[in-house]
Amino acid sequence: MITAIVLIKTSVDRIPEIAESIAALESVSEVFSVTGTYDLIAMVRVARHDDLAEVIPGRISKIQGVEGTDTHVAFRTYSQHDLEAAFSIGLDS
């Protein structure tokens, strides 16, 4: 599974509507409304690198009100959930 973090600039008067449209797309797992240079951050998860082109410039960037994106592809994923699962292997509760 390939994970991309997509930083999104939008029309500020339509942030909630744009976030909902992006969140409804297949392969988008979460959308966060944030402060700072960007208005939204979307987490995109796909099976192949080629699928990123279909989702990000092919769908996200075409949503009315999306002004620009900056995409970062994750090399590796670390999470508290993964660490807890790894340390609990073989332990009986």
Protein backbone atom coordinates (compact mmCIF):
# COMPACT_ATOMS: atom_id res chain seq x y z
CA MET A 1 0.00 0.00 0.00
CA ILE A 2 1.36 3.42 -0.98
CA THR A 3 0.48 6.40 1.20
CA ALA A 4 0.59 9.98 -0.03
CA ILE A 5 0.10 13.07 2.11
CA VAL A 6 -1.52 15.75 -0.03
CA LEU A 7 -1.31 19.38 1.14
CA ILE A 8 -4.14 21.34 -0.46
CA LYS A 9 -4.78 25.06 -0.98
CA THR A 10 -8.44 25.93 -1.48
CA SER A 11 -10.88 28.78 -1.76
CA VAL A 12 -11.17 29.67 1.92
CA ASP A 13 -14.89 30.34 1.73
CA ARG A 14 -15.56 26.72 0.65
CA ILE A 15 -13.21 24.69 2.86
CA PRO A 16 -15.90 22.45 4.44
CA GLU A 17 -17.56 21.63 1.11
CA ILE A 18 -14.23 20.94 -0.59
CA ALA A 19 -13.08 18.75 2.32
CA GLU A 20 -16.28 16.70 2.09
CA SER A 21 -15.88 16.27 -1.67
CA ILE A 22 -12.29 15.10 -1.26
CA ALA A 23 -13.18 12.76 1.63
CA ALA A 24 -15.84 11.10 -0.55
CA LEU A 25 -13.24 10.05 -3.15
CA GLU A 26 -12.16 6.44 -3.30
CA SER A 27 -8.57 6.03 -2.00
CA VAL A 28 -8.85 9.06 0.30
CA SER A 29 -8.85 7.80 3.89
CA GLU A 30 -8.89 11.10 5.82
CA VAL A 31 -9.07 14.82 5.22
CA PHE A 32 -7.93 17.31 7.85
CA SER A 33 -8.73 21.02 7.99
CA VAL A 34 -5.54 22.70 9.22
CA THR A 35 -3.94 26.04 9.97
CA GLY A 36 -0.92 27.39 8.15
CA THR A 37 0.06 27.67 4.51
CA TYR A 38 -2.37 24.94 3.39
CA ASP A 39 -6.08 24.64 4.12
CA LEU A 40 -6.50 20.86 3.97
CA ILE A 41 -4.39 17.73 4.26
CA ALA A 42 -5.62 14.52 2.63
CA MET A 43 -4.29 11.03 3.21
CA VAL A 44 -4.39 9.01 -0.01
CA ARG A 45 -3.77 5.25 0.01
CA VAL A 46 -3.39 3.34 -3.26
CA ALA A 47 -2.00 0.02 -4.44
CA ARG A 48 0.26 1.34 -7.21
CA HIS A 49 2.20 4.55 -7.86
CA ASP A 50 0.30 5.01 -11.12
CA ASP A 51 -2.91 5.23 -9.11
CA LEU A 52 -1.65 8.43 -7.45
CA ALA A 53 -1.89 10.24 -10.78
CA GLU A 54 -5.49 9.14 -11.16
CA VAL A 55 -6.47 10.29 -7.66
CA ILE A 56 -4.47 13.48 -7.07
CA PRO A 57 -4.28 15.41 -10.36
CA GLY A 58 -7.10 13.35 -11.88
CA ARG A 59 -9.71 13.86 -9.15
CA ILE A 60 -8.61 16.02 -6.20
CA SER A 61 -7.19 18.85 -8.32
CA LYS A 62 -10.34 18.93 -10.46
CA ILE A 63 -12.67 19.64 -7.54
CA GLN A 64 -14.01 23.17 -7.84
CA GLY A 65 -12.23 25.40 -5.33
CA VAL A 66 -8.98 23.41 -5.15
CA GLU A 67 -6.28 25.94 -6.04
CA GLY A 68 -3.18 23.76 -5.71
CA THR A 69 -1.67 20.64 -4.19
CA ASP A 70 1.72 19.57 -2.85
CA THR A 71 2.14 15.79 -2.59
CA HIS A 72 4.50 13.85 -0.34
CA VAL A 73 4.83 10.07 -0.76
CA ALA A 74 5.61 8.13 2.40
CA PHE A 75 8.59 5.77 2.41
CA ARG A 76 7.58 4.04 5.61
CA THR A 77 4.70 4.33 8.08
CA TYR A 78 5.12 4.41 11.84
CA SER A 79 2.16 4.54 14.20
CA GLN A 80 1.42 3.89 17.85
CA HIS A 81 -1.15 1.29 16.79
CA ASP A 82 1.49 -0.66 14.84
CA LEU A 83 3.96 -0.52 17.73
CA GLU A 84 1.39 -1.78 20.24
CA ALA A 85 0.43 -4.67 17.95
CA ALA A 86 4.07 -5.67 17.44
CA PHE A 87 4.86 -5.71 21.16
CA SER A 88 1.72 -7.69 22.04
CA ILE A 89 2.48 -10.61 19.69
CA GLY A 90 2.50 -13.82 21.69
CA LEU A 91 1.25 -12.24 24.90
CA ASP A 92 -1.88 -13.67 26.50
CA SER A 93 -4.21 -11.21 28.15
